[in-house]
Amino acid sequence: MRLGTPYENWCDSLSASTDRPVMFPRIMHAYPNPALDAIHLSIPVPGGLATLYDGLGRLMQQNLLPEGIYAPSIDVTNLLPGIYTVIWTRGEMRESCQFVKVAARR
């Protein structure tokens, strides 16, 4: 088996046959990361729903995000330390990202 250059398996064009828009690249981020007591989400459109899942895929919390704020804050004080996934939805738009929750220092 011959291993080629890293670019041999890339396509140089992309076409899609769909009535839905194709969205690239990932446009949501959670910060600070790692987080202690709160995260901010940079989202493309204000509002929507942010759903947090733990590393095992369990639903931890849901937050309705306020209209008019592109970087809403979410309280994560009650989460245990670990890796979490945030899924933001608004209508047919959907983005996801991960963040690390750390324990408070004693």
C-alpha atoms as a PDB file:
ATOM      1  CA  MET A   1       0.000   0.000   0.000  1.00  0.00           C
ATOM      2  CA  ARG A   2       1.435   3.359  -1.032  1.00  0.00           C
ATOM      3  CA  LEU A   3       0.840   6.389   1.121  1.00  0.00           C
ATOM      4  CA  GLY A   4       0.470   9.512  -1.000  1.00  0.00           C
ATOM      5  CA  THR A   5       0.981  13.108  -0.170  1.00  0.00           C
ATOM      6  CA  PRO A   6      -1.493  14.602   2.300  1.00  0.00           C
ATOM      7  CA  TYR A   7      -3.226  16.407  -0.571  1.00  0.00           C
ATOM      8  CA  GLU A   8      -3.844  13.490  -2.943  1.00  0.00           C
ATOM      9  CA  ASN A   9      -7.112  12.543  -1.270  1.00  0.00           C
ATOM     10  CA  TRP A  10      -8.539  16.058  -1.262  1.00  0.00           C
ATOM     11  CA  CYS A  11     -11.021  17.160  -3.869  1.00  0.00           C
ATOM     12  CA  ASP A  12     -10.478  20.369  -5.769  1.00  0.00           C
ATOM     13  CA  SER A  13     -14.163  21.157  -6.177  1.00  0.00           C
ATOM     14  CA  LEU A  14     -17.429  20.433  -4.443  1.00  0.00           C
ATOM     15  CA  SER A  15     -20.941  20.536  -5.759  1.00  0.00           C
ATOM     16  CA  ALA A  16     -24.194  19.810  -4.007  1.00  0.00           C
ATOM     17  CA  SER A  17     -27.697  19.204  -5.198  1.00  0.00           C
ATOM     18  CA  THR A  18     -29.880  20.470  -2.401  1.00  0.00           C
ATOM     19  CA  ASP A  19     -32.361  23.203  -1.633  1.00  0.00           C
ATOM     20  CA  ARG A  20     -30.717  23.782   1.749  1.00  0.00           C
ATOM     21  CA  PRO A  21     -27.602  25.932   2.070  1.00  0.00           C
ATOM     22  CA  VAL A  22     -24.288  24.225   2.734  1.00  0.00           C
ATOM     23  CA  MET A  23     -22.561  25.975   5.637  1.00  0.00           C
ATOM     24  CA  PHE A  24     -18.798  26.024   6.220  1.00  0.00           C
ATOM     25  CA  PRO A  25     -16.783  26.404   8.484  1.00  0.00           C
ATOM     26  CA  ARG A  26     -17.632  25.930  12.132  1.00  0.00           C
ATOM     27  CA  ILE A  27     -18.769  29.291  13.403  1.00  0.00           C
ATOM     28  CA  MET A  28     -19.510  28.769  17.097  1.00  0.00           C
ATOM     29  CA  HIS A  29     -16.947  28.743  19.886  1.00  0.00           C
ATOM     30  CA  ALA A  30     -17.150  28.482  23.676  1.00  0.00           C
ATOM     31  CA  TYR A  31     -14.812  30.586  25.777  1.00  0.00           C
ATOM     32  CA  PRO A  32     -13.009  30.691  28.106  1.00  0.00           C
ATOM     33  CA  ASN A  33     -11.908  27.142  27.579  1.00  0.00           C
ATOM     34  CA  PRO A  34     -11.271  25.622  30.070  1.00  0.00           C
ATOM     35  CA  ALA A  35     -14.089  27.219  32.082  1.00  0.00           C
ATOM     36  CA  LEU A  36     -14.594  27.573  35.809  1.00  0.00           C
ATOM     37  CA  ASP A  37     -18.043  29.079  36.385  1.00  0.00           C
ATOM     38  CA  ALA A  38     -19.394  30.353  33.046  1.00  0.00           C
ATOM     39  CA  ILE A  39     -18.876  30.099  29.306  1.00  0.00           C
ATOM     40  CA  HIS A  40     -19.699  32.534  26.552  1.00  0.00           C
ATOM     41  CA  LEU A  41     -20.842  31.300  23.168  1.00  0.00           C
ATOM     42  CA  SER A  42     -19.940  33.131  20.007  1.00  0.00           C
ATOM     43  CA  ILE A  43     -22.974  32.428  17.843  1.00  0.00           C
ATOM     44  CA  PRO A  44     -23.800  33.580  14.303  1.00  0.00           C
ATOM     45  CA  VAL A  45     -27.361  34.720  15.110  1.00  0.00           C
ATOM     46  CA  PRO A  46     -28.652  35.875  18.507  1.00  0.00           C
ATOM     47  CA  GLY A  47     -31.155  33.721  20.377  1.00  0.00           C
ATOM     48  CA  GLY A  48     -31.852  30.046  20.024  1.00  0.00           C
ATOM     49  CA  LEU A  49     -31.344  27.134  22.379  1.00  0.00           C
ATOM     50  CA  ALA A  50     -28.047  25.926  23.869  1.00  0.00           C
ATOM     51  CA  THR A  51     -28.086  22.313  25.056  1.00  0.00           C
ATOM     52  CA  LEU A  52     -25.197  20.929  27.125  1.00  0.00           C
ATOM     53  CA  TYR A  53     -24.253  17.235  27.183  1.00  0.00           C
ATOM     54  CA  ASP A  54     -21.615  15.532  29.299  1.00  0.00           C
ATOM     55  CA  GLY A  55     -18.928  13.206  27.940  1.00  0.00           C
ATOM     56  CA  LEU A  56     -21.336  10.253  28.045  1.00  0.00           C
ATOM     57  CA  GLY A  57     -23.981  12.063  26.023  1.00  0.00           C
ATOM     58  CA  ARG A  58     -26.310  12.755  28.942  1.00  0.00           C
ATOM     59  CA  LEU A  59     -28.372  15.932  28.824  1.00  0.00           C
ATOM     60  CA  MET A  60     -27.071  18.271  31.526  1.00  0.00           C
ATOM     61  CA  GLN A  61     -28.921  21.532  30.886  1.00  0.00           C
ATOM     62  CA  GLN A  62     -30.795  23.572  28.317  1.00  0.00           C
ATOM     63  CA  ASN A  63     -30.647  27.348  28.042  1.00  0.00           C
ATOM     64  CA  LEU A  64     -32.871  29.665  26.031  1.00  0.00           C
ATOM     65  CA  LEU A  65     -30.510  32.336  24.763  1.00  0.00           C
ATOM     66  CA  PRO A  66     -31.545  35.991  24.759  1.00  0.00           C
ATOM     67  CA  GLU A  67     -32.290  37.839  21.530  1.00  0.00           C
ATOM     68  CA  GLY A  68     -29.846  40.558  20.529  1.00  0.00           C
ATOM     69  CA  ILE A  69     -26.748  39.074  22.219  1.00  0.00           C
ATOM     70  CA  TYR A  70     -24.080  37.451  20.020  1.00  0.00           C
ATOM     71  CA  ALA A  71     -21.993  36.179  22.976  1.00  0.00           C
ATOM     72  CA  PRO A  72     -24.453  34.982  25.632  1.00  0.00           C
ATOM     73  CA  SER A  73     -23.173  33.684  28.956  1.00  0.00           C
ATOM     74  CA  ILE A  74     -24.102  30.252  30.342  1.00  0.00           C
ATOM     75  CA  ASP A  75     -23.615  29.375  33.993  1.00  0.00           C
ATOM     76  CA  VAL A  76     -21.686  26.088  34.357  1.00  0.00           C
ATOM     77  CA  THR A  77     -21.007  26.355  38.098  1.00  0.00           C
ATOM     78  CA  ASN A  78     -23.073  23.256  38.915  1.00  0.00           C
ATOM     79  CA  LEU A  79     -21.367  21.000  36.344  1.00  0.00           C
ATOM     80  CA  LEU A  80     -18.752  18.511  37.480  1.00  0.00           C
ATOM     81  CA  PRO A  81     -15.257  18.820  35.976  1.00  0.00           C
ATOM     82  CA  GLY A  82     -15.080  17.174  32.568  1.00  0.00           C
ATOM     83  CA  ILE A  83     -15.562  17.595  28.834  1.00  0.00           C
ATOM     84  CA  TYR A  84     -18.911  18.911  27.629  1.00  0.00           C
ATOM     85  CA  THR A  85     -20.554  19.414  24.249  1.00  0.00           C
ATOM     86  CA  VAL A  86     -22.726  22.437  23.543  1.00  0.00           C
ATOM     87  CA  ILE A  87     -25.246  22.221  20.718  1.00  0.00           C
ATOM     88  CA  TRP A  88     -26.803  25.512  19.605  1.00  0.00           C
ATOM     89  CA  THR A  89     -29.954  25.443  17.503  1.00  0.00           C
ATOM     90  CA  ARG A  90     -32.142  28.139  16.037  1.00  0.00           C
ATOM     91  CA  GLY A  91     -34.665  27.111  13.403  1.00  0.00           C
ATOM     92  CA  GLU A  92     -32.763  24.905  10.951  1.00  0.00           C
ATOM     93  CA  MET A  93     -29.363  26.247  12.014  1.00  0.00           C
ATOM     94  CA  ARG A  94     -27.230  24.018  14.229  1.00  0.00           C
ATOM     95  CA  GLU A  95     -23.675  24.337  15.529  1.00  0.00           C
ATOM     96  CA  SER A  96     -21.717  22.452  18.160  1.00  0.00           C
ATOM     97  CA  CYS A  97     -18.473  22.784  20.076  1.00  0.00           C
ATOM     98  CA  GLN A  98     -16.823  21.376  23.172  1.00  0.00           C
ATOM     99  CA  PHE A  99     -15.411  22.908  26.314  1.00  0.00           C
ATOM    100  CA  VAL A 100     -13.667  21.695  29.451  1.00  0.00           C
ATOM    101  CA  LYS A 101     -15.116  22.434  32.876  1.00  0.00           C
ATOM    102  CA  VAL A 102     -12.450  22.618  35.595  1.00  0.00           C
ATOM    103  CA  ALA A 103     -12.758  22.400  39.361  1.00  0.00           C
ATOM    104  CA  ALA A 104     -12.313  25.471  41.544  1.00  0.00           C
ATOM    105  CA  ARG A 105      -8.963  25.664  43.311  1.00  0.00           C
ATOM    106  CA  ARG A 106      -9.017  25.328  47.081  1.00  0.00           C
END
